[in-house]
Protein backbone atom coordinates (compact mmCIF):
# COMPACT_ATOMS: atom_id res chain seq x y z
CA MET A 1 -8.68 -4.31 24.03
CA ASN A 2 -11.53 -6.37 22.60
CA ASN A 3 -11.50 -7.69 19.04
CA GLN A 4 -14.07 -5.25 17.67
CA HIS A 5 -12.21 -2.25 19.10
CA HIS A 6 -8.93 -3.58 17.68
CA LEU A 7 -10.47 -3.92 14.21
CA GLU A 8 -12.05 -0.45 14.33
CA THR A 9 -8.73 1.10 15.37
CA TYR A 10 -6.97 -0.65 12.48
CA LYS A 11 -9.58 0.63 10.02
CA ARG A 12 -9.33 4.22 11.30
CA VAL A 13 -5.53 4.23 11.05
CA ARG A 14 -5.63 2.57 7.62
CA ASN A 15 -8.18 5.02 6.24
CA ALA A 16 -6.33 8.05 7.63
CA LEU A 17 -3.02 6.86 6.24
CA LEU A 18 -4.50 6.08 2.82
CA ALA A 19 -6.14 9.51 2.73
CA CYS A 20 -2.86 11.24 3.64
CA THR A 21 -0.83 9.30 1.10
CA TRP A 22 -3.33 9.97 -1.68
CA LEU A 23 -3.36 13.66 -0.78
CA MET A 24 0.43 13.63 -1.08
CA ILE A 25 0.30 11.77 -4.40
CA GLY A 26 -2.44 14.06 -5.71
CA TYR A 27 -0.56 17.16 -4.64
CA GLY A 28 2.61 15.85 -6.28
CA TRP A 29 0.73 15.23 -9.52
CA TRP A 30 -1.16 18.53 -9.47
CA SER A 31 1.86 20.67 -8.55
CA GLN A 32 4.21 18.53 -10.66
CA LYS A 33 6.46 17.98 -7.64
CA LEU A 34 7.96 14.54 -8.00
CA LEU A 35 9.16 14.48 -4.38
CA TRP A 36 5.59 14.65 -3.03
CA LEU A 37 4.40 11.95 -5.40
CA LEU A 38 7.24 9.61 -4.46
CA ALA A 39 6.88 10.34 -0.73
CA GLY A 40 3.21 9.32 -0.85
CA ILE A 41 4.03 6.12 -2.71
CA ILE A 42 6.86 5.23 -0.32
CA LEU A 43 4.66 5.92 2.71
CA VAL A 44 1.80 3.70 1.54
CA ASN A 45 4.22 0.89 0.70
CA VAL A 46 6.04 1.05 4.04
CA TYR A 47 2.62 0.89 5.71
CA ALA A 48 1.61 -2.09 3.52
CA PHE A 49 4.81 -3.93 4.46
CA MET A 50 4.20 -3.26 8.17
CA VAL A 51 0.57 -4.39 7.99
CA THR A 52 1.64 -7.64 6.32
CA ALA A 53 4.26 -8.17 9.04
CA ASN A 54 1.69 -7.50 11.77
CA ASP A 55 -0.82 -9.90 10.24
CA LYS A 56 1.83 -12.63 10.10
CA ARG A 57 2.73 -11.98 13.75
CA TYR A 58 -0.95 -12.07 14.74
CA ALA A 59 -1.35 -15.38 12.89
CA LYS A 60 1.57 -16.92 14.80
CA GLN A 61 0.16 -15.68 18.11
CA GLY A 62 -3.37 -16.88 17.35
CA ARG A 63 -4.73 -13.33 17.67
CA LEU A 64 -7.43 -11.56 15.71
CA ARG A 65 -6.20 -11.16 12.15
CA ILE A 66 -6.39 -8.23 9.77
CA PRO A 67 -9.14 -9.05 7.26
CA GLU A 68 -7.91 -10.19 3.84
CA SER A 69 -10.07 -7.49 2.27
CA GLY A 70 -8.15 -4.88 4.28
CA LEU A 71 -4.78 -6.21 3.13
CA LEU A 72 -5.95 -6.30 -0.49
CA LEU A 73 -7.41 -2.79 -0.21
CA VAL A 74 -4.05 -1.38 0.87
CA ALA A 75 -2.35 -3.29 -1.96
CA ALA A 76 -4.87 -2.05 -4.53
CA LEU A 77 -4.64 1.58 -3.40
CA GLY A 78 -0.91 1.97 -3.95
CA GLY A 79 0.71 -0.49 -1.56
CA ALA A 80 1.23 -3.45 -3.87
CA ALA A 81 5.04 -3.28 -3.71
CA GLY A 82 5.01 -3.23 0.10
CA THR A 83 2.40 -5.98 0.34
CA TRP A 84 4.25 -8.17 -2.15
CA ALA A 85 7.59 -7.58 -0.39
CA GLY A 86 5.95 -8.45 2.94
CA MET A 87 4.40 -11.59 1.48
CA LEU A 88 7.79 -12.79 0.23
CA PHE A 89 9.88 -11.63 3.20
CA PHE A 90 7.56 -13.05 5.88
CA ARG A 91 6.27 -15.97 3.76
CA HIS A 92 2.77 -14.76 4.39
CA LYS A 93 -0.24 -15.51 2.16
CA THR A 94 2.06 -17.01 -0.47
CA LYS A 95 -0.16 -20.08 -0.91
CA HIS A 96 -3.40 -18.12 -1.24
CA LEU A 97 -4.48 -17.51 -4.83
CA SER A 98 -6.53 -14.59 -3.55
CA PHE A 99 -3.16 -12.88 -2.91
CA THR A 100 -0.66 -14.47 -5.28
CA ILE A 101 -2.62 -13.35 -8.34
CA PRO A 102 -4.00 -9.87 -7.56
CA VAL A 103 -1.02 -8.43 -5.66
CA PRO A 104 1.48 -8.89 -8.55
CA VAL A 105 -1.17 -7.59 -10.98
CA PHE A 106 -1.68 -4.51 -8.77
CA PHE A 107 2.10 -4.10 -8.67
CA ILE A 108 2.45 -4.15 -12.47
CA ILE A 109 -0.40 -1.67 -12.88
CA GLN A 110 1.01 0.65 -10.20
CA MET A 111 4.52 0.57 -11.68
CA TYR A 112 3.09 1.45 -15.10
CA LEU A 113 1.08 4.33 -13.61
CA LEU A 114 4.15 5.52 -11.71
CA PHE A 115 6.17 5.46 -14.94
CA LEU A 116 3.49 7.53 -16.68
CA ALA A 117 3.31 10.00 -13.77
CA ILE A 118 7.07 10.48 -13.63
CA ARG A 119 7.24 10.90 -17.40
CA TYR A 120 4.42 13.48 -17.26
CA ILE A 121 6.01 15.46 -14.43
CA LEU A 122 9.48 15.42 -15.99
CA LYS A 123 8.06 16.42 -19.38
CA TRP A 124 6.23 19.42 -17.91
CA SER A 125 9.22 20.38 -15.75
CA ALA A 126 11.43 20.46 -18.84
CA LEU A 127 8.93 22.71 -20.64
CA SER A 128 8.72 25.19 -17.77
């Protein structure tokens, strides 16, 4: 598989997975079903962890890497916990300021939004 085809396949899978997870999160929010919201968040973070692991493996093998913008996009769109865990577990991108600053910031923002979402859903569930 040539490099361009490999990159296009990665982008298609990434975009499809992000769309599915955000549909799950959106449905969980709209229907006030916490399980759907959490399932979407877990899925995007497992994917982020796996992508970080794959990029580290590709780096060791000297293969075509996943673009930094792609890794940061997944982190920004809900996968900050998985990306950060992958960075620490695999010691990947830990010396790059382009990752060590935004990924923890994304994580803090996402945890705050998750707290607000859970509080909102639980509040409305209690009123129903």
